Amino acid sequence: MNTIITGASSGIGEALSIEAAKRGDKLFICARNAQRLEKVAMSCREAGAEVTYEIIDVTDKEAVAKWLEKCE
């Protein structure tokens, strides 16, 4: 399954990312904090998931639209 998660660098977004990774989902995750997002991506890869991540502010509609196109 392909899964897209915003706000993946902490809290609920991080927890959802790790759970999806444990299921073996292909993850597309984004957040604003590069260091924390990289750590989450590493944890997800260690759990066996393929992960693509990008630093994005979801209030930037154009950036989000471009990212979603890349996820397809």
PDB file of N, CA and C in Angstrom:
ATOM      1  N   MET A   1       0.836  -1.165   0.000  1.00  0.00           N
ATOM      2  CA  MET A   1       0.000   0.000   0.000  1.00  0.00           C
ATOM      3  C   MET A   1       0.893   1.243   0.000  1.00  0.00           C
ATOM      4  N   ASN A   2       0.506   2.255  -0.736  1.00  0.00           N
ATOM      5  CA  ASN A   2       1.180   3.551  -0.716  1.00  0.00           C
ATOM      6  C   ASN A   2       0.501   4.439   0.308  1.00  0.00           C
ATOM      7  N   THR A   3       1.299   5.091   1.147  1.00  0.00           N
ATOM      8  CA  THR A   3       0.760   5.933   2.198  1.00  0.00           C
ATOM      9  C   THR A   3       1.458   7.288   2.198  1.00  0.00           C
ATOM     10  N   ILE A   4       0.662   8.352   2.239  1.00  0.00           N
ATOM     11  CA  ILE A   4       1.168   9.722   2.308  1.00  0.00           C
ATOM     12  C   ILE A   4       0.827  10.276   3.683  1.00  0.00           C
ATOM     13  N   ILE A   5       1.839  10.821   4.356  1.00  0.00           N
ATOM     14  CA  ILE A   5       1.620  11.384   5.690  1.00  0.00           C
ATOM     15  C   ILE A   5       2.311  12.740   5.774  1.00  0.00           C
ATOM     16  N   THR A   6       1.539  13.748   6.161  1.00  0.00           N
ATOM     17  CA  THR A   6       2.111  15.069   6.418  1.00  0.00           C
ATOM     18  C   THR A   6       2.352  15.199   7.914  1.00  0.00           C
ATOM     19  N   GLY A   7       3.247  16.096   8.289  1.00  0.00           N
ATOM     20  CA  GLY A   7       3.550  16.277   9.711  1.00  0.00           C
ATOM     21  C   GLY A   7       4.186  15.051  10.326  1.00  0.00           C
ATOM     22  N   ALA A   8       4.998  14.359   9.535  1.00  0.00           N
ATOM     23  CA  ALA A   8       5.544  13.067   9.949  1.00  0.00           C
ATOM     24  C   ALA A   8       6.739  13.149  10.885  1.00  0.00           C
ATOM     25  N   SER A   9       7.194  14.347  11.211  1.00  0.00           N
ATOM     26  CA  SER A   9       8.414  14.447  12.016  1.00  0.00           C
ATOM     27  C   SER A   9       8.180  14.318  13.515  1.00  0.00           C
ATOM     28  N   SER A  10       6.916  14.315  13.947  1.00  0.00           N
ATOM     29  CA  SER A  10       6.655  14.190  15.381  1.00  0.00           C
ATOM     30  C   SER A  10       5.192  13.829  15.629  1.00  0.00           C
ATOM     31  N   GLY A  11       4.903  13.498  16.865  1.00  0.00           N
ATOM     32  CA  GLY A  11       3.534  13.272  17.299  1.00  0.00           C
ATOM     33  C   GLY A  11       2.795  12.195  16.517  1.00  0.00           C
ATOM     34  N   ILE A  12       1.547  12.491  16.212  1.00  0.00           N
ATOM     35  CA  ILE A  12       0.694  11.534  15.517  1.00  0.00           C
ATOM     36  C   ILE A  12       1.268  11.170  14.147  1.00  0.00           C
ATOM     37  N   GLY A  13       1.801  12.143  13.413  1.00  0.00           N
ATOM     38  CA  GLY A  13       2.372  11.866  12.102  1.00  0.00           C
ATOM     39  C   GLY A  13       3.531  10.888  12.171  1.00  0.00           C
ATOM     40  N   GLU A  14       4.378  11.047  13.169  1.00  0.00           N
ATOM     41  CA  GLU A  14       5.499  10.124  13.364  1.00  0.00           C
ATOM     42  C   GLU A  14       4.985   8.727  13.701  1.00  0.00           C
ATOM     43  N   ALA A  15       4.032   8.656  14.621  1.00  0.00           N
ATOM     44  CA  ALA A  15       3.489   7.358  15.035  1.00  0.00           C
ATOM     45  C   ALA A  15       2.814   6.649  13.863  1.00  0.00           C
ATOM     46  N   LEU A  16       2.053   7.385  13.075  1.00  0.00           N
ATOM     47  CA  LEU A  16       1.401   6.792  11.901  1.00  0.00           C
ATOM     48  C   LEU A  16       2.428   6.283  10.894  1.00  0.00           C
ATOM     49  N   SER A  17       3.493   7.046  10.706  1.00  0.00           N
ATOM     50  CA  SER A  17       4.546   6.646   9.768  1.00  0.00           C
ATOM     51  C   SER A  17       5.184   5.330  10.195  1.00  0.00           C
ATOM     52  N   ILE A  18       5.503   5.217  11.467  1.00  0.00           N
ATOM     53  CA  ILE A  18       6.153   4.010  11.965  1.00  0.00           C
ATOM     54  C   ILE A  18       5.213   2.808  11.882  1.00  0.00           C
ATOM     55  N   GLU A  19       3.950   3.000  12.201  1.00  0.00           N
ATOM     56  CA  GLU A  19       2.985   1.898  12.102  1.00  0.00           C
ATOM     57  C   GLU A  19       2.805   1.456  10.650  1.00  0.00           C
ATOM     58  N   ALA A  20       2.732   2.415   9.737  1.00  0.00           N
ATOM     59  CA  ALA A  20       2.598   2.072   8.318  1.00  0.00           C
ATOM     60  C   ALA A  20       3.844   1.341   7.831  1.00  0.00           C
ATOM     61  N   ALA A  21       5.005   1.745   8.330  1.00  0.00           N
ATOM     62  CA  ALA A  21       6.253   1.072   7.957  1.00  0.00           C
ATOM     63  C   ALA A  21       6.248  -0.374   8.414  1.00  0.00           C
ATOM     64  N   LYS A  22       5.742  -0.613   9.605  1.00  0.00           N
ATOM     65  CA  LYS A  22       5.676  -1.983  10.133  1.00  0.00           C
ATOM     66  C   LYS A  22       4.774  -2.871   9.282  1.00  0.00           C
ATOM     67  N   ARG A  23       3.771  -2.268   8.633  1.00  0.00           N
ATOM     68  CA  ARG A  23       2.889  -3.026   7.733  1.00  0.00           C
ATOM     69  C   ARG A  23       3.545  -3.265   6.377  1.00  0.00           C
ATOM     70  N   GLY A  24       4.649  -2.556   6.129  1.00  0.00           N
ATOM     71  CA  GLY A  24       5.327  -2.704   4.851  1.00  0.00           C
ATOM     72  C   GLY A  24       4.848  -1.744   3.780  1.00  0.00           C
ATOM     73  N   ASP A  25       4.152  -0.686   4.193  1.00  0.00           N
ATOM     74  CA  ASP A  25       3.677   0.307   3.225  1.00  0.00           C
ATOM     75  C   ASP A  25       4.847   1.028   2.562  1.00  0.00           C
ATOM     76  N   LYS A  26       4.630   1.508   1.364  1.00  0.00           N
ATOM     77  CA  LYS A  26       5.554   2.416   0.707  1.00  0.00           C
ATOM     78  C   LYS A  26       5.165   3.809   1.180  1.00  0.00           C
ATOM     79  N   LEU A  27       6.084   4.493   1.857  1.00  0.00           N
ATOM     80  CA  LEU A  27       5.759   5.755   2.508  1.00  0.00           C
ATOM     81  C   LEU A  27       6.255   6.973   1.757  1.00  0.00           C
ATOM     82  N   PHE A  28       5.410   7.975   1.742  1.00  0.00           N
ATOM     83  CA  PHE A  28       5.737   9.311   1.259  1.00  0.00           C
ATOM     84  C   PHE A  28       5.416  10.222   2.425  1.00  0.00           C
ATOM     85  N   ILE A  29       6.457  10.743   3.077  1.00  0.00           N
ATOM     86  CA  ILE A  29       6.245  11.543   4.272  1.00  0.00           C
ATOM     87  C   ILE A  29       6.845  12.937   4.096  1.00  0.00           C
ATOM     88  N   CYS A  30       6.236  13.893   4.781  1.00  0.00           N
ATOM     89  CA  CYS A  30       6.776  15.252   4.732  1.00  0.00           C
ATOM     90  C   CYS A  30       6.569  15.941   6.069  1.00  0.00           C
ATOM     91  N   ALA A  31       7.358  16.987   6.275  1.00  0.00           N
ATOM     92  CA  ALA A  31       7.266  17.823   7.475  1.00  0.00           C
ATOM     93  C   ALA A  31       8.182  19.024   7.256  1.00  0.00           C
ATOM     94  N   ARG A  32       8.191  19.927   8.205  1.00  0.00           N
ATOM     95  CA  ARG A  32       9.043  21.116   8.104  1.00  0.00           C
ATOM     96  C   ARG A  32      10.409  20.933   8.742  1.00  0.00           C
ATOM     97  N   ASN A  33      10.529  20.063   9.727  1.00  0.00           N
ATOM     98  CA  ASN A  33      11.779  19.905  10.467  1.00  0.00           C
ATOM     99  C   ASN A  33      12.623  18.790   9.838  1.00  0.00           C
ATOM    100  N   ALA A  34      13.693  19.187   9.168  1.00  0.00           N
ATOM    101  CA  ALA A  34      14.520  18.238   8.414  1.00  0.00           C
ATOM    102  C   ALA A  34      15.162  17.173   9.306  1.00  0.00           C
ATOM    103  N   GLN A  35      15.751  17.579  10.425  1.00  0.00           N
ATOM    104  CA  GLN A  35      16.455  16.619  11.280  1.00  0.00           C
ATOM    105  C   GLN A  35      15.510  15.568  11.842  1.00  0.00           C
ATOM    106  N   ARG A  36      14.373  16.002  12.341  1.00  0.00           N
ATOM    107  CA  ARG A  36      13.425  15.035  12.911  1.00  0.00           C
ATOM    108  C   ARG A  36      12.834  14.147  11.821  1.00  0.00           C
ATOM    109  N   LEU A  37      12.547  14.726  10.652  1.00  0.00           N
ATOM    110  CA  LEU A  37      11.968  13.934   9.562  1.00  0.00           C
ATOM    111  C   LEU A  37      12.954  12.871   9.085  1.00  0.00           C
ATOM    112  N   GLU A  38      14.226  13.217   9.005  1.00  0.00           N
ATOM    113  CA  GLU A  38      15.238  12.239   8.603  1.00  0.00           C
ATOM    114  C   GLU A  38      15.299  11.080   9.597  1.00  0.00           C
ATOM    115  N   LYS A  39      15.177  11.379  10.884  1.00  0.00           N
ATOM    116  CA  LYS A  39      15.185  10.317  11.904  1.00  0.00           C
ATOM    117  C   LYS A  39      13.976   9.400  11.751  1.00  0.00           C
ATOM    118  N   VAL A  40      12.814   9.992  11.476  1.00  0.00           N
ATOM    119  CA  VAL A  40      11.611   9.181  11.276  1.00  0.00           C
ATOM    120  C   VAL A  40      11.779   8.313  10.033  1.00  0.00           C
ATOM    121  N   ALA A  41      12.305   8.892   8.963  1.00  0.00           N
ATOM    122  CA  ALA A  41      12.523   8.123   7.731  1.00  0.00           C
ATOM    123  C   ALA A  41      13.460   6.954   7.995  1.00  0.00           C
ATOM    124  N   MET A  42      14.522   7.171   8.774  1.00  0.00           N
ATOM    125  CA  MET A  42      15.449   6.083   9.096  1.00  0.00           C
ATOM    126  C   MET A  42      14.751   4.998   9.908  1.00  0.00           C
ATOM    127  N   SER A  43      13.938   5.391  10.877  1.00  0.00           N
ATOM    128  CA  SER A  43      13.208   4.416  11.688  1.00  0.00           C
ATOM    129  C   SER A  43      12.260   3.595  10.826  1.00  0.00           C
ATOM    130  N   CYS A  44      11.615   4.246   9.891  1.00  0.00           N
ATOM    131  CA  CYS A  44      10.688   3.543   8.996  1.00  0.00           C
ATOM    132  C   CYS A  44      11.435   2.576   8.081  1.00  0.00           C
ATOM    133  N   ARG A  45      12.582   2.984   7.597  1.00  0.00           N
ATOM    134  CA  ARG A  45      13.389   2.083   6.762  1.00  0.00           C
ATOM    135  C   ARG A  45      13.862   0.886   7.568  1.00  0.00           C
ATOM    136  N   GLU A  46      14.250   1.125   8.810  1.00  0.00           N
ATOM    137  CA  GLU A  46      14.678   0.024   9.679  1.00  0.00           C
ATOM    138  C   GLU A  46      13.539  -0.961   9.923  1.00  0.00           C
ATOM    139  N   ALA A  47      12.300  -0.461   9.870  1.00  0.00           N
ATOM    140  CA  ALA A  47      11.129  -1.324  10.043  1.00  0.00           C
ATOM    141  C   ALA A  47      10.767  -2.048   8.747  1.00  0.00           C
ATOM    142  N   GLY A  48      11.492  -1.733   7.656  1.00  0.00           N
ATOM    143  CA  GLY A  48      11.299  -2.450   6.402  1.00  0.00           C
ATOM    144  C   GLY A  48      10.566  -1.712   5.310  1.00  0.00           C
ATOM    145  N   ALA A  49      10.258  -0.440   5.523  1.00  0.00           N
ATOM    146  CA  ALA A  49       9.496   0.312   4.525  1.00  0.00           C
ATOM    147  C   ALA A  49      10.408   1.017   3.529  1.00  0.00           C
ATOM    148  N   GLU A  50       9.885   1.209   2.344  1.00  0.00           N
ATOM    149  CA  GLU A  50      10.508   2.094   1.359  1.00  0.00           C
ATOM    150  C   GLU A  50       9.970   3.489   1.656  1.00  0.00           C
ATOM    151  N   VAL A  51      10.873   4.457   1.823  1.00  0.00           N
ATOM    152  CA  VAL A  51      10.461   5.791   2.271  1.00  0.00           C
ATOM    153  C   VAL A  51      11.009   6.872   1.351  1.00  0.00           C
ATOM    154  N   THR A  52      10.122   7.762   0.957  1.00  0.00           N
ATOM    155  CA  THR A  52      10.503   8.986   0.261  1.00  0.00           C
ATOM    156  C   THR A  52      10.042  10.133   1.151  1.00  0.00           C
ATOM    157  N   TYR A  53      10.940  11.083   1.418  1.00  0.00           N
ATOM    158  CA  TYR A  53      10.527  12.194   2.272  1.00  0.00           C
ATOM    159  C   TYR A  53      10.966  13.520   1.682  1.00  0.00           C
ATOM    160  N   GLU A  54      10.251  14.565   2.105  1.00  0.00           N
ATOM    161  CA  GLU A  54      10.550  15.900   1.606  1.00  0.00           C
ATOM    162  C   GLU A  54      10.191  16.923   2.685  1.00  0.00           C
ATOM    163  N   ILE A  55      10.983  17.978   2.736  1.00  0.00           N
ATOM    164  CA  ILE A  55      10.732  19.079   3.658  1.00  0.00           C
ATOM    165  C   ILE A  55       9.734  20.014   2.984  1.00  0.00           C
ATOM    166  N   ILE A  56       8.546  20.117   3.588  1.00  0.00           N
ATOM    167  CA  ILE A  56       7.477  20.930   3.003  1.00  0.00           C
ATOM    168  C   ILE A  56       6.674  21.576   4.126  1.00  0.00           C
ATOM    169  N   ASP A  57       6.270  22.808   3.886  1.00  0.00           N
ATOM    170  CA  ASP A  57       5.308  23.485   4.750  1.00  0.00           C
ATOM    171  C   ASP A  57       3.951  23.320   4.080  1.00  0.00           C
ATOM    172  N   VAL A  58       3.036  22.609   4.707  1.00  0.00           N
ATOM    173  CA  VAL A  58       1.760  22.294   4.061  1.00  0.00           C
ATOM    174  C   VAL A  58       0.880  23.515   3.830  1.00  0.00           C
ATOM    175  N   THR A  59       1.267  24.664   4.360  1.00  0.00           N
ATOM    176  CA  THR A  59       0.516  25.880   4.048  1.00  0.00           C
ATOM    177  C   THR A  59       0.893  26.427   2.674  1.00  0.00           C
ATOM    178  N   ASP A  60       1.953  25.892   2.080  1.00  0.00           N
ATOM    179  CA  ASP A  60       2.374  26.276   0.723  1.00  0.00           C
ATOM    180  C   ASP A  60       1.680  25.343  -0.268  1.00  0.00           C
ATOM    181  N   LYS A  61       0.524  25.758  -0.753  1.00  0.00           N
ATOM    182  CA  LYS A  61      -0.299  24.908  -1.604  1.00  0.00           C
ATOM    183  C   LYS A  61       0.430  24.453  -2.868  1.00  0.00           C
ATOM    184  N   GLU A  62       1.211  25.325  -3.452  1.00  0.00           N
ATOM    185  CA  GLU A  62       1.933  24.973  -4.674  1.00  0.00           C
ATOM    186  C   GLU A  62       2.979  23.889  -4.402  1.00  0.00           C
ATOM    187  N   ALA A  63       3.699  24.025  -3.312  1.00  0.00           N
ATOM    188  CA  ALA A  63       4.717  23.028  -2.964  1.00  0.00           C
ATOM    189  C   ALA A  63       4.067  21.677  -2.677  1.00  0.00           C
ATOM    190  N   VAL A  64       2.942  21.689  -1.990  1.00  0.00           N
ATOM    191  CA  VAL A  64       2.237  20.444  -1.683  1.00  0.00           C
ATOM    192  C   VAL A  64       1.743  19.790  -2.969  1.00  0.00           C
ATOM    193  N   ALA A  65       1.200  20.591  -3.877  1.00  0.00           N
ATOM    194  CA  ALA A  65       0.703  20.050  -5.148  1.00  0.00           C
ATOM    195  C   ALA A  65       1.841  19.405  -5.943  1.00  0.00           C
ATOM    196  N   LYS A  66       2.984  20.058  -5.990  1.00  0.00           N
ATOM    197  CA  LYS A  66       4.138  19.496  -6.701  1.00  0.00           C
ATOM    198  C   LYS A  66       4.603  18.202  -6.035  1.00  0.00           C
ATOM    199  N   TRP A  67       4.622  18.183  -4.725  1.00  0.00           N
ATOM    200  CA  TRP A  67       5.045  16.989  -3.991  1.00  0.00           C
ATOM    201  C   TRP A  67       4.092  15.822  -4.265  1.00  0.00           C
ATOM    202  N   LEU A  68       2.800  16.101  -4.233  1.00  0.00           N
ATOM    203  CA  LEU A  68       1.816  15.042  -4.499  1.00  0.00           C
ATOM    204  C   LEU A  68       1.970  14.484  -5.908  1.00  0.00           C
ATOM    205  N   GLU A  69       2.278  15.337  -6.871  1.00  0.00           N
ATOM    206  CA  GLU A  69       2.541  14.865  -8.237  1.00  0.00           C
ATOM    207  C   GLU A  69       3.729  13.915  -8.259  1.00  0.00           C
ATOM    208  N   LYS A  70       4.773  14.263  -7.512  1.00  0.00           N
ATOM    209  CA  LYS A  70       5.959  13.395  -7.454  1.00  0.00           C
ATOM    210  C   LYS A  70       5.645  12.073  -6.773  1.00  0.00           C
ATOM    211  N   CYS A  71       4.736  12.101  -5.831  1.00  0.00           N
ATOM    212  CA  CYS A  71       4.361  10.867  -5.123  1.00  0.00           C
ATOM    213  C   CYS A  71       3.630   9.899  -6.041  1.00  0.00           C
ATOM    214  N   GLU A  72       2.941  10.415  -7.027  1.00  0.00           N
ATOM    215  CA  GLU A  72       2.213   9.548  -7.950  1.00  0.00           C
ATOM    216  C   GLU A  72       3.192   8.767  -8.786  1.00  0.00           C
TER     217      GLU A  72
END
